[in-house]
Every structure is written in C-alpha cells, then in structure tokens.
Amino acid sequence: MMPDEPGSLSEPGSEVEQEIREPKMYRVILHNDDYTTMDFVIEVLISIFNKPAADATRIMLDVHQRGKGVCGVYTYDIAATRVNCVHQLARLREFPLKCSLEKA
C-alpha cells in the first residue's frame, strides 16, 4: 500500500497521538536469615544478578547488617524471573534465602 492510498496509515487529517510510557520498574531484594551463608549470597549475586565480586560483597553486607539488600532494578518480567531463579537455586542448595520484589 502506498502512503497516499485511502486506508493507509498516514491519511491526511487522521493524526494519531500515541503516548509512549516507560515500563514500571521493580527492585529485587534479598532478605537476611540465620542459615544462608554469606558465600552463597555472594554466589547468587554474581551468578544471577551479574554483579562484580566487590558489588556482590557490599550487597551481601547490606543483607547481613541491615536485614535486606537491593540486588537491582528491573522491569517486572525480569525482576520476577530473577526472584524465581534465586528461590530455585536456594532450594537446590537447601538454604531458606528469601528474595522479593517491590515497585521502585
């Protein structure tokens, strides 16, 4: 179809306004517990969240000292997938590590 043909997307006088919105973002949070090892938390941060070792250690210390630590901010689908990956790996290794997401 040519742009000038009737029924085309660019008919004169038929302006279409589209609002483009950024996707909602979500924080992924790890929660402290008395059983999960610090080494495992660092492993999770490096393998699932692609954090460098220094950042992983800093976040792990936040989890340990403050009760929780932010792993990253993602769109809903990515955040939910990473939360599920954390829970699967923790279950496989028999740790009760809890991970959640909240609106950023």
C-alpha atoms as a PDB file:
ATOM      1  CA  MET A   1       0.000   0.000   0.000  1.00  0.00           C
ATOM      2  CA  MET A   2       1.331   3.424  -0.907  1.00  0.00           C
ATOM      3  CA  PRO A   3       1.260   6.141   1.782  1.00  0.00           C
ATOM      4  CA  ASP A   4      -1.198   8.247  -0.318  1.00  0.00           C
ATOM      5  CA  GLU A   5      -3.741   5.464  -0.837  1.00  0.00           C
ATOM      6  CA  PRO A   6      -7.045   5.560   1.050  1.00  0.00           C
ATOM      7  CA  GLY A   7      -6.920   3.418   4.156  1.00  0.00           C
ATOM      8  CA  SER A   8      -3.203   3.889   4.610  1.00  0.00           C
ATOM      9  CA  LEU A   9      -1.740   4.710   7.993  1.00  0.00           C
ATOM     10  CA  SER A  10      -0.949   8.293   7.067  1.00  0.00           C
ATOM     11  CA  GLU A  11      -4.252   9.639   5.738  1.00  0.00           C
ATOM     12  CA  PRO A  12      -4.423  13.414   5.838  1.00  0.00           C
ATOM     13  CA  GLY A  13      -6.395  14.687   8.828  1.00  0.00           C
ATOM     14  CA  SER A  14      -6.125  11.452  10.793  1.00  0.00           C
ATOM     15  CA  GLU A  15      -3.444  12.282  13.297  1.00  0.00           C
ATOM     16  CA  VAL A  16      -2.891   9.561  15.841  1.00  0.00           C
ATOM     17  CA  GLU A  17      -1.318  10.505  19.120  1.00  0.00           C
ATOM     18  CA  GLN A  18       0.423   7.732  20.975  1.00  0.00           C
ATOM     19  CA  GLU A  19       1.743   8.139  24.456  1.00  0.00           C
ATOM     20  CA  ILE A  20       4.871   6.134  24.989  1.00  0.00           C
ATOM     21  CA  ARG A  21       5.444   5.314  28.655  1.00  0.00           C
ATOM     22  CA  GLU A  22       8.464   3.811  30.301  1.00  0.00           C
ATOM     23  CA  PRO A  23       7.771   0.395  31.861  1.00  0.00           C
ATOM     24  CA  LYS A  24       7.249   0.234  35.606  1.00  0.00           C
ATOM     25  CA  MET A  25      10.408  -0.763  37.413  1.00  0.00           C
ATOM     26  CA  TYR A  26      10.819  -3.106  40.380  1.00  0.00           C
ATOM     27  CA  ARG A  27      13.557  -3.531  42.981  1.00  0.00           C
ATOM     28  CA  VAL A  28      14.731  -7.078  43.656  1.00  0.00           C
ATOM     29  CA  ILE A  29      15.554  -7.518  47.336  1.00  0.00           C
ATOM     30  CA  LEU A  30      17.378 -10.263  49.236  1.00  0.00           C
ATOM     31  CA  HIS A  31      16.346 -10.791  52.875  1.00  0.00           C
ATOM     32  CA  ASN A  32      18.577 -11.884  55.741  1.00  0.00           C
ATOM     33  CA  ASP A  33      18.090 -15.164  57.573  1.00  0.00           C
ATOM     34  CA  ASP A  34      20.097 -17.097  60.148  1.00  0.00           C
ATOM     35  CA  TYR A  35      21.022 -20.053  57.930  1.00  0.00           C
ATOM     36  CA  THR A  36      22.052 -18.890  54.444  1.00  0.00           C
ATOM     37  CA  THR A  37      25.817 -18.450  54.209  1.00  0.00           C
ATOM     38  CA  MET A  38      27.430 -15.207  53.128  1.00  0.00           C
ATOM     39  CA  ASP A  39      29.350 -17.103  50.447  1.00  0.00           C
ATOM     40  CA  PHE A  40      26.102 -18.404  48.946  1.00  0.00           C
ATOM     41  CA  VAL A  41      24.607 -14.888  48.877  1.00  0.00           C
ATOM     42  CA  ILE A  42      27.702 -13.635  47.039  1.00  0.00           C
ATOM     43  CA  GLU A  43      27.426 -16.568  44.609  1.00  0.00           C
ATOM     44  CA  VAL A  44      23.772 -15.673  43.923  1.00  0.00           C
ATOM     45  CA  LEU A  45      24.619 -12.019  43.329  1.00  0.00           C
ATOM     46  CA  ILE A  46      27.410 -12.894  40.912  1.00  0.00           C
ATOM     47  CA  SER A  47      25.655 -15.707  39.022  1.00  0.00           C
ATOM     48  CA  ILE A  48      22.061 -14.445  38.858  1.00  0.00           C
ATOM     49  CA  PHE A  49      22.477 -10.667  39.032  1.00  0.00           C
ATOM     50  CA  ASN A  50      25.832 -10.432  37.187  1.00  0.00           C
ATOM     51  CA  LYS A  51      27.399  -8.329  39.931  1.00  0.00           C
ATOM     52  CA  PRO A  52      31.174  -7.915  40.164  1.00  0.00           C
ATOM     53  CA  ALA A  53      32.651  -9.510  43.304  1.00  0.00           C
ATOM     54  CA  ALA A  54      33.136  -6.152  45.076  1.00  0.00           C
ATOM     55  CA  ASP A  55      29.489  -5.104  44.498  1.00  0.00           C
ATOM     56  CA  ALA A  56      28.268  -8.567  45.489  1.00  0.00           C
ATOM     57  CA  THR A  57      30.196  -8.338  48.757  1.00  0.00           C
ATOM     58  CA  ARG A  58      28.778  -4.870  49.507  1.00  0.00           C
ATOM     59  CA  ILE A  59      25.200  -6.020  48.860  1.00  0.00           C
ATOM     60  CA  MET A  60      25.771  -9.176  50.937  1.00  0.00           C
ATOM     61  CA  LEU A  61      26.935  -6.988  53.839  1.00  0.00           C
ATOM     62  CA  ASP A  62      23.767  -4.861  53.489  1.00  0.00           C
ATOM     63  CA  VAL A  63      21.707  -8.042  53.686  1.00  0.00           C
ATOM     64  CA  HIS A  64      23.643  -9.243  56.719  1.00  0.00           C
ATOM     65  CA  GLN A  65      23.791  -5.942  58.629  1.00  0.00           C
ATOM     66  CA  ARG A  66      20.569  -4.201  57.618  1.00  0.00           C
ATOM     67  CA  GLY A  67      18.315  -7.201  57.069  1.00  0.00           C
ATOM     68  CA  LYS A  68      17.943  -6.711  53.325  1.00  0.00           C
ATOM     69  CA  GLY A  69      19.827  -5.577  50.261  1.00  0.00           C
ATOM     70  CA  VAL A  70      18.819  -4.362  46.809  1.00  0.00           C
ATOM     71  CA  CYS A  71      20.167  -6.556  44.011  1.00  0.00           C
ATOM     72  CA  GLY A  72      18.986  -4.372  41.145  1.00  0.00           C
ATOM     73  CA  VAL A  73      16.072  -2.583  39.488  1.00  0.00           C
ATOM     74  CA  TYR A  74      14.375  -4.256  36.525  1.00  0.00           C
ATOM     75  CA  THR A  75      11.152  -4.430  34.564  1.00  0.00           C
ATOM     76  CA  TYR A  76       8.551  -6.742  36.121  1.00  0.00           C
ATOM     77  CA  ASP A  77       9.247  -9.803  33.960  1.00  0.00           C
ATOM     78  CA  ILE A  78      12.998  -9.666  34.503  1.00  0.00           C
ATOM     79  CA  ALA A  79      12.616  -8.995  38.239  1.00  0.00           C
ATOM     80  CA  ALA A  80      10.140 -11.869  38.694  1.00  0.00           C
ATOM     81  CA  THR A  81      12.375 -14.241  36.727  1.00  0.00           C
ATOM     82  CA  ARG A  82      15.403 -13.386  38.870  1.00  0.00           C
ATOM     83  CA  VAL A  83      13.401 -13.837  42.084  1.00  0.00           C
ATOM     84  CA  ASN A  84      12.359 -17.299  40.855  1.00  0.00           C
ATOM     85  CA  CYS A  85      15.961 -18.175  39.943  1.00  0.00           C
ATOM     86  CA  VAL A  86      17.139 -17.197  43.441  1.00  0.00           C
ATOM     87  CA  HIS A  87      14.444 -19.343  45.071  1.00  0.00           C
ATOM     88  CA  GLN A  88      15.223 -22.335  42.837  1.00  0.00           C
ATOM     89  CA  LEU A  89      18.957 -22.166  43.497  1.00  0.00           C
ATOM     90  CA  ALA A  90      18.419 -21.681  47.238  1.00  0.00           C
ATOM     91  CA  ARG A  91      16.047 -24.654  47.373  1.00  0.00           C
ATOM     92  CA  LEU A  92      18.525 -26.774  45.413  1.00  0.00           C
ATOM     93  CA  ARG A  93      21.274 -25.889  47.914  1.00  0.00           C
ATOM     94  CA  GLU A  94      18.866 -26.247  50.884  1.00  0.00           C
ATOM     95  CA  PHE A  95      19.025 -22.615  52.024  1.00  0.00           C
ATOM     96  CA  PRO A  96      15.943 -20.640  53.139  1.00  0.00           C
ATOM     97  CA  LEU A  97      17.084 -17.486  51.308  1.00  0.00           C
ATOM     98  CA  LYS A  98      14.133 -15.194  50.603  1.00  0.00           C
ATOM     99  CA  CYS A  99      14.029 -12.831  47.646  1.00  0.00           C
ATOM    100  CA  SER A 100      11.228 -10.428  46.778  1.00  0.00           C
ATOM    101  CA  LEU A 101      10.371  -7.523  44.511  1.00  0.00           C
ATOM    102  CA  GLU A 102       8.752  -4.162  45.140  1.00  0.00           C
ATOM    103  CA  LYS A 103       7.870  -1.185  42.974  1.00  0.00           C
ATOM    104  CA  ALA A 104      10.805   1.148  42.514  1.00  0.00           C
END
